[in-house]
């Protein structure tokens, strides 16, 4: 199953309002905490710890905040298109407006790097980025991600 096939319309937020990187991470952490039944602060700290190692901005207005979480929770991916681009400390100095959050269980480390790689692959084409920025519905975003993603065989299944 392709990693991008783990994203459903329910995992997509269009025109999300976030005025800063921290506000964005807080919003994503709150959403993920609700899905995982884990404390929001735990997820936010994991994301901030990763950002402290270096920005997860990929360039061209895209960020891939990610973290590994203790335990065996299922992987969580969320897609957000921001209402207004924000500074995300990208190496190309481009503000970020497309974000995919990846949270992965530490109990399944073998799938984490392929998941990140697959997600980057889905977002590397300029045409894909233009289409994601123009998508009118969460379902359209999901279809675009499926089209641009690829299969990853080592992913743990969600319960």
C-alpha atoms as a PDB file:
ATOM      1  CA  UNK A   1       0.000   0.000   0.000  1.00  0.00           C
ATOM      2  CA  UNK A   2       1.318   3.433  -0.900  1.00  0.00           C
ATOM      3  CA  UNK A   3       1.998   5.691   2.056  1.00  0.00           C
ATOM      4  CA  UNK A   4      -0.089   8.404   0.446  1.00  0.00           C
ATOM      5  CA  UNK A   5      -2.999   5.955   0.368  1.00  0.00           C
ATOM      6  CA  UNK A   6      -3.095   6.282   4.160  1.00  0.00           C
ATOM      7  CA  UNK A   7      -4.449   9.794   3.747  1.00  0.00           C
ATOM      8  CA  UNK A   8      -8.209  10.030   3.386  1.00  0.00           C
ATOM      9  CA  UNK A   9     -10.393  13.088   2.888  1.00  0.00           C
ATOM     10  CA  UNK A  10     -10.830  13.189   6.688  1.00  0.00           C
ATOM     11  CA  UNK A  11      -7.054  13.739   6.998  1.00  0.00           C
ATOM     12  CA  UNK A  12      -7.031  16.826   4.770  1.00  0.00           C
ATOM     13  CA  UNK A  13      -7.388  20.420   5.960  1.00  0.00           C
ATOM     14  CA  UNK A  14      -7.777  23.083   3.300  1.00  0.00           C
ATOM     15  CA  UNK A  15      -7.275  26.779   3.994  1.00  0.00           C
ATOM     16  CA  UNK A  16      -5.974  26.125   7.496  1.00  0.00           C
ATOM     17  CA  UNK A  17      -5.244  29.317   9.379  1.00  0.00           C
ATOM     18  CA  UNK A  18      -1.872  29.252  11.126  1.00  0.00           C
ATOM     19  CA  UNK A  19       0.088  32.450  11.609  1.00  0.00           C
ATOM     20  CA  UNK A  20       3.380  30.810  12.539  1.00  0.00           C
ATOM     21  CA  UNK A  21       5.299  27.561  12.476  1.00  0.00           C
ATOM     22  CA  UNK A  22       4.572  26.999  16.171  1.00  0.00           C
ATOM     23  CA  UNK A  23       0.830  27.618  15.697  1.00  0.00           C
ATOM     24  CA  UNK A  24       0.805  25.176  12.792  1.00  0.00           C
ATOM     25  CA  UNK A  25       2.587  22.478  14.797  1.00  0.00           C
ATOM     26  CA  UNK A  26       0.185  23.025  17.718  1.00  0.00           C
ATOM     27  CA  UNK A  27      -2.829  22.632  15.428  1.00  0.00           C
ATOM     28  CA  UNK A  28      -1.453  19.481  13.835  1.00  0.00           C
ATOM     29  CA  UNK A  29      -0.450  18.046  17.216  1.00  0.00           C
ATOM     30  CA  UNK A  30      -3.974  18.641  18.565  1.00  0.00           C
ATOM     31  CA  UNK A  31      -5.520  16.857  15.582  1.00  0.00           C
ATOM     32  CA  UNK A  32      -3.110  13.931  15.822  1.00  0.00           C
ATOM     33  CA  UNK A  33      -3.565  13.653  19.593  1.00  0.00           C
ATOM     34  CA  UNK A  34      -7.292  13.332  19.137  1.00  0.00           C
ATOM     35  CA  UNK A  35      -6.831  10.548  16.579  1.00  0.00           C
ATOM     36  CA  UNK A  36      -4.260   8.667  18.641  1.00  0.00           C
ATOM     37  CA  UNK A  37      -5.735   9.227  22.100  1.00  0.00           C
ATOM     38  CA  UNK A  38      -2.405  10.619  23.260  1.00  0.00           C
ATOM     39  CA  UNK A  39      -1.523  13.880  24.999  1.00  0.00           C
ATOM     40  CA  UNK A  40      -1.239  16.825  22.624  1.00  0.00           C
ATOM     41  CA  UNK A  41       1.835  18.071  24.491  1.00  0.00           C
ATOM     42  CA  UNK A  42       3.662  14.773  23.898  1.00  0.00           C
ATOM     43  CA  UNK A  43       3.129  15.044  20.149  1.00  0.00           C
ATOM     44  CA  UNK A  44       3.966  18.745  20.037  1.00  0.00           C
ATOM     45  CA  UNK A  45       7.212  18.145  21.951  1.00  0.00           C
ATOM     46  CA  UNK A  46       8.184  15.314  19.573  1.00  0.00           C
ATOM     47  CA  UNK A  47       7.584  17.592  16.566  1.00  0.00           C
ATOM     48  CA  UNK A  48       9.452  20.514  18.144  1.00  0.00           C
ATOM     49  CA  UNK A  49      12.367  18.268  19.123  1.00  0.00           C
ATOM     50  CA  UNK A  50      12.649  17.213  15.476  1.00  0.00           C
ATOM     51  CA  UNK A  51      12.420  20.824  14.257  1.00  0.00           C
ATOM     52  CA  UNK A  52      15.206  21.776  16.673  1.00  0.00           C
ATOM     53  CA  UNK A  53      17.502  19.439  14.700  1.00  0.00           C
ATOM     54  CA  UNK A  54      16.740  21.443  11.557  1.00  0.00           C
ATOM     55  CA  UNK A  55      13.729  22.657   9.670  1.00  0.00           C
ATOM     56  CA  UNK A  56      11.606  19.988   8.013  1.00  0.00           C
ATOM     57  CA  UNK A  57      10.775  22.381   5.170  1.00  0.00           C
ATOM     58  CA  UNK A  58      11.575  20.664   1.877  1.00  0.00           C
ATOM     59  CA  UNK A  59      11.570  23.810  -0.244  1.00  0.00           C
ATOM     60  CA  UNK A  60       9.139  25.086  -2.879  1.00  0.00           C
ATOM     61  CA  UNK A  61       6.606  25.881  -0.144  1.00  0.00           C
ATOM     62  CA  UNK A  62       6.392  22.356   1.274  1.00  0.00           C
ATOM     63  CA  UNK A  63       7.060  21.124   4.820  1.00  0.00           C
ATOM     64  CA  UNK A  64       7.151  17.573   6.162  1.00  0.00           C
ATOM     65  CA  UNK A  65       7.008  17.788   9.960  1.00  0.00           C
ATOM     66  CA  UNK A  66       7.566  14.306  11.328  1.00  0.00           C
ATOM     67  CA  UNK A  67       8.383  12.401  14.473  1.00  0.00           C
ATOM     68  CA  UNK A  68       8.543   8.909  15.868  1.00  0.00           C
ATOM     69  CA  UNK A  69       6.356   8.283  18.889  1.00  0.00           C
ATOM     70  CA  UNK A  70       6.889   5.686  21.629  1.00  0.00           C
ATOM     71  CA  UNK A  71       4.715   2.612  21.471  1.00  0.00           C
ATOM     72  CA  UNK A  72       2.738   0.869  18.796  1.00  0.00           C
ATOM     73  CA  UNK A  73       0.187   3.475  17.735  1.00  0.00           C
ATOM     74  CA  UNK A  74      -0.731   3.341  14.062  1.00  0.00           C
ATOM     75  CA  UNK A  75       1.012   5.777  11.722  1.00  0.00           C
ATOM     76  CA  UNK A  76      -0.785   9.094  11.275  1.00  0.00           C
ATOM     77  CA  UNK A  77      -0.557  11.362   8.269  1.00  0.00           C
ATOM     78  CA  UNK A  78      -2.317  14.696   7.888  1.00  0.00           C
ATOM     79  CA  UNK A  79      -2.269  17.058   4.927  1.00  0.00           C
ATOM     80  CA  UNK A  80      -2.770  20.795   5.397  1.00  0.00           C
ATOM     81  CA  UNK A  81      -2.912  23.553   2.844  1.00  0.00           C
ATOM     82  CA  UNK A  82      -2.516  26.869   4.610  1.00  0.00           C
ATOM     83  CA  UNK A  83      -4.705  29.874   3.980  1.00  0.00           C
ATOM     84  CA  UNK A  84      -1.575  32.037   3.945  1.00  0.00           C
ATOM     85  CA  UNK A  85       2.031  30.834   3.604  1.00  0.00           C
ATOM     86  CA  UNK A  86       4.167  31.037   6.751  1.00  0.00           C
ATOM     87  CA  UNK A  87       7.877  31.281   7.457  1.00  0.00           C
ATOM     88  CA  UNK A  88       9.125  27.758   8.150  1.00  0.00           C
ATOM     89  CA  UNK A  89      12.875  28.397   8.054  1.00  0.00           C
ATOM     90  CA  UNK A  90      13.221  26.754   4.652  1.00  0.00           C
ATOM     91  CA  UNK A  91      16.654  26.637   3.041  1.00  0.00           C
ATOM     92  CA  UNK A  92      15.225  28.216  -0.104  1.00  0.00           C
ATOM     93  CA  UNK A  93      13.572  30.970   2.022  1.00  0.00           C
ATOM     94  CA  UNK A  94      10.195  30.160   0.440  1.00  0.00           C
ATOM     95  CA  UNK A  95       7.257  30.403   2.849  1.00  0.00           C
ATOM     96  CA  UNK A  96       5.363  27.148   3.374  1.00  0.00           C
ATOM     97  CA  UNK A  97       1.753  26.562   2.387  1.00  0.00           C
ATOM     98  CA  UNK A  98       1.637  22.768   1.873  1.00  0.00           C
ATOM     99  CA  UNK A  99       2.274  20.535   4.870  1.00  0.00           C
ATOM    100  CA  UNK A 100       2.195  16.784   5.408  1.00  0.00           C
ATOM    101  CA  UNK A 101       2.533  15.598   8.976  1.00  0.00           C
ATOM    102  CA  UNK A 102       3.921  12.088   9.517  1.00  0.00           C
ATOM    103  CA  UNK A 103       3.861  10.459  12.938  1.00  0.00           C
ATOM    104  CA  UNK A 104       5.293   6.970  13.123  1.00  0.00           C
ATOM    105  CA  UNK A 105       5.448   4.354  15.902  1.00  0.00           C
ATOM    106  CA  UNK A 106       8.904   3.617  17.294  1.00  0.00           C
ATOM    107  CA  UNK A 107       7.824  -0.036  17.455  1.00  0.00           C
ATOM    108  CA  UNK A 108       7.952  -0.183  13.624  1.00  0.00           C
ATOM    109  CA  UNK A 109      11.149   1.679  12.674  1.00  0.00           C
ATOM    110  CA  UNK A 110      11.570  -0.209   9.399  1.00  0.00           C
ATOM    111  CA  UNK A 111       8.723   1.687   7.747  1.00  0.00           C
ATOM    112  CA  UNK A 112       9.555   5.223   8.822  1.00  0.00           C
ATOM    113  CA  UNK A 113      12.241   6.249   6.326  1.00  0.00           C
ATOM    114  CA  UNK A 114      10.422   4.662   3.367  1.00  0.00           C
ATOM    115  CA  UNK A 115       7.305   6.569   4.449  1.00  0.00           C
ATOM    116  CA  UNK A 116       9.172   9.882   4.445  1.00  0.00           C
ATOM    117  CA  UNK A 117      10.839   9.076   1.143  1.00  0.00           C
ATOM    118  CA  UNK A 118       7.535   8.143  -0.466  1.00  0.00           C
ATOM    119  CA  UNK A 119       5.907  11.316   0.802  1.00  0.00           C
ATOM    120  CA  UNK A 120       8.751  13.435  -0.600  1.00  0.00           C
ATOM    121  CA  UNK A 121       8.429  11.607  -3.918  1.00  0.00           C
ATOM    122  CA  UNK A 122       4.726  12.453  -4.080  1.00  0.00           C
ATOM    123  CA  UNK A 123       5.582  16.142  -3.617  1.00  0.00           C
ATOM    124  CA  UNK A 124       8.619  16.573  -5.837  1.00  0.00           C
ATOM    125  CA  UNK A 125       6.933  17.393  -9.123  1.00  0.00           C
ATOM    126  CA  UNK A 126       6.104  21.066  -9.696  1.00  0.00           C
ATOM    127  CA  UNK A 127       2.888  20.022 -11.477  1.00  0.00           C
ATOM    128  CA  UNK A 128       1.794  18.055  -8.394  1.00  0.00           C
ATOM    129  CA  UNK A 129       2.390  21.085  -6.174  1.00  0.00           C
ATOM    130  CA  UNK A 130       0.404  23.345  -8.499  1.00  0.00           C
ATOM    131  CA  UNK A 131      -2.457  20.845  -8.535  1.00  0.00           C
ATOM    132  CA  UNK A 132      -2.444  20.504  -4.742  1.00  0.00           C
ATOM    133  CA  UNK A 133      -2.533  24.283  -4.367  1.00  0.00           C
ATOM    134  CA  UNK A 134      -5.502  24.501  -6.748  1.00  0.00           C
ATOM    135  CA  UNK A 135      -7.471  21.510  -5.397  1.00  0.00           C
ATOM    136  CA  UNK A 136     -11.021  22.468  -4.455  1.00  0.00           C
ATOM    137  CA  UNK A 137     -11.865  19.563  -2.138  1.00  0.00           C
ATOM    138  CA  UNK A 138     -10.162  17.145   0.267  1.00  0.00           C
ATOM    139  CA  UNK A 139     -11.159  14.316  -2.081  1.00  0.00           C
ATOM    140  CA  UNK A 140      -9.269  16.005  -4.923  1.00  0.00           C
ATOM    141  CA  UNK A 141      -6.178  16.327  -2.711  1.00  0.00           C
ATOM    142  CA  UNK A 142      -6.382  12.626  -1.832  1.00  0.00           C
ATOM    143  CA  UNK A 143      -6.697  11.644  -5.499  1.00  0.00           C
ATOM    144  CA  UNK A 144      -3.668  13.784  -6.378  1.00  0.00           C
ATOM    145  CA  UNK A 145      -1.565  12.294  -3.570  1.00  0.00           C
ATOM    146  CA  UNK A 146      -2.529   8.770  -4.613  1.00  0.00           C
ATOM    147  CA  UNK A 147      -1.596   9.540  -8.218  1.00  0.00           C
ATOM    148  CA  UNK A 148       1.815  10.933  -7.261  1.00  0.00           C
ATOM    149  CA  UNK A 149       2.677   8.444  -4.490  1.00  0.00           C
ATOM    150  CA  UNK A 150       4.225   5.016  -4.792  1.00  0.00           C
ATOM    151  CA  UNK A 151       3.944   1.706  -2.985  1.00  0.00           C
ATOM    152  CA  UNK A 152       5.716   1.031   0.301  1.00  0.00           C
ATOM    153  CA  UNK A 153       5.600  -2.594   1.390  1.00  0.00           C
ATOM    154  CA  UNK A 154       6.962  -2.322   4.937  1.00  0.00           C
ATOM    155  CA  UNK A 155       4.214  -0.240   6.550  1.00  0.00           C
ATOM    156  CA  UNK A 156       2.482  -1.486   9.680  1.00  0.00           C
ATOM    157  CA  UNK A 157      -1.252  -1.820   9.318  1.00  0.00           C
ATOM    158  CA  UNK A 158      -3.557   0.373  11.396  1.00  0.00           C
ATOM    159  CA  UNK A 159      -5.921  -1.359  13.781  1.00  0.00           C
END
